[in-house]
Amino acid sequence: MVENNSLMSILAMFIAVAILISLGLVILDSSVSDCSGLEGYNSSNPSASTGWSGSCEANNSQIQNAWTLISIVLIVISAVIILAVVKML
């Protein structure tokens, strides 16, 4: 019975950490660089910016995609660990 209690506490700690990391990722996902001060910035259509500003805009979308991918991977890893622990019980 002691093993079950320690296993459940480890699982609960992992779930709590996963939730905190996911919340952090949600916050980071919405943060992007301000490209409006760079040369080549197109204020009417920011995605059509050129030069450094265009690179900045491209980086912003890649950063958002990366954070989304990291949160999906975290959810999948959490699901696998939960299923493995449930199978042990």
Protein backbone atom coordinates (compact mmCIF):
# COMPACT_ATOMS: atom_id res chain seq x y z
CA MET A 1 0.00 0.00 0.00
CA VAL A 2 2.91 2.33 0.67
CA GLU A 3 4.08 1.91 -2.92
CA ASN A 4 0.66 2.96 -4.21
CA ASN A 5 0.67 6.08 -2.04
CA SER A 6 4.12 7.16 -3.17
CA LEU A 7 3.25 6.36 -6.78
CA MET A 8 0.08 8.43 -6.56
CA SER A 9 1.96 11.34 -4.98
CA ILE A 10 4.55 11.26 -7.76
CA LEU A 11 1.74 11.17 -10.33
CA ALA A 12 0.00 14.10 -8.64
CA MET A 13 3.23 16.10 -8.59
CA PHE A 14 3.83 15.38 -12.27
CA ILE A 15 0.29 16.47 -13.18
CA ALA A 16 0.68 19.68 -11.16
CA VAL A 17 4.00 20.48 -12.86
CA ALA A 18 2.49 19.71 -16.28
CA ILE A 19 -0.40 22.07 -15.59
CA LEU A 20 1.95 24.85 -14.46
CA ILE A 21 4.17 24.39 -17.52
CA SER A 22 1.11 24.40 -19.79
CA LEU A 23 -0.09 27.66 -18.27
CA GLY A 24 3.35 29.14 -18.80
CA LEU A 25 3.30 27.97 -22.40
CA VAL A 26 -0.09 29.60 -22.96
CA ILE A 27 1.34 32.87 -21.68
CA LEU A 28 4.48 32.54 -23.79
CA ASP A 29 2.44 31.58 -26.85
CA SER A 30 0.78 34.99 -26.84
CA SER A 31 4.05 36.88 -26.52
CA VAL A 32 5.68 38.05 -29.73
CA SER A 33 8.24 40.68 -30.70
CA ASP A 34 7.20 44.16 -31.69
CA CYS A 35 8.38 44.57 -35.28
CA SER A 36 6.85 47.99 -35.93
CA GLY A 37 10.07 49.88 -35.20
CA LEU A 38 12.16 48.01 -37.75
CA GLU A 39 12.74 49.25 -41.28
CA GLY A 40 10.56 47.70 -43.97
CA TYR A 41 7.51 47.42 -41.70
CA ASN A 42 4.19 47.52 -43.56
CA SER A 43 1.60 48.89 -41.13
CA SER A 44 -1.40 48.10 -43.34
CA ASN A 45 -0.35 44.44 -43.79
CA PRO A 46 2.35 43.35 -41.32
CA SER A 47 2.82 39.97 -43.00
CA ALA A 48 3.89 41.79 -46.18
CA SER A 49 6.78 43.53 -44.41
CA THR A 50 10.23 43.32 -45.96
CA GLY A 51 13.80 43.17 -44.70
CA TRP A 52 14.40 42.93 -40.97
CA SER A 53 10.75 43.54 -40.23
CA GLY A 54 9.72 40.69 -42.52
CA SER A 55 12.15 38.37 -40.74
CA CYS A 56 10.77 39.51 -37.40
CA GLU A 57 7.18 38.77 -38.50
CA ALA A 58 8.22 35.32 -39.80
CA ASN A 59 9.93 34.59 -36.47
CA ASN A 60 6.80 35.58 -34.57
CA SER A 61 4.68 32.99 -36.37
CA GLN A 62 7.36 30.30 -36.01
CA ILE A 63 7.64 31.02 -32.28
CA GLN A 64 3.88 30.68 -31.82
CA ASN A 65 3.91 27.38 -33.74
CA ALA A 66 6.78 26.08 -31.60
CA TRP A 67 5.02 26.89 -28.32
CA THR A 68 1.84 25.20 -29.58
CA LEU A 69 3.82 22.10 -30.56
CA ILE A 70 5.55 21.98 -27.17
CA SER A 71 2.21 22.12 -25.35
CA ILE A 72 0.82 19.30 -27.54
CA VAL A 73 3.90 17.17 -26.80
CA LEU A 74 3.49 17.86 -23.08
CA ILE A 75 -0.15 16.75 -23.19
CA VAL A 76 0.76 13.53 -25.03
CA ILE A 77 3.57 12.71 -22.59
CA SER A 78 1.24 13.35 -19.66
CA ALA A 79 -1.39 11.05 -21.16
CA VAL A 80 1.14 8.26 -21.72
CA ILE A 81 2.45 8.50 -18.15
CA ILE A 82 -1.07 8.52 -16.71
CA LEU A 83 -2.03 5.46 -18.77
CA ALA A 84 1.16 3.66 -17.70
CA VAL A 85 0.47 4.39 -14.02
CA VAL A 86 -3.18 3.31 -14.32
CA LYS A 87 -2.01 0.06 -15.93
CA MET A 88 0.34 -0.57 -12.98
CA LEU A 89 -2.52 -0.27 -10.52
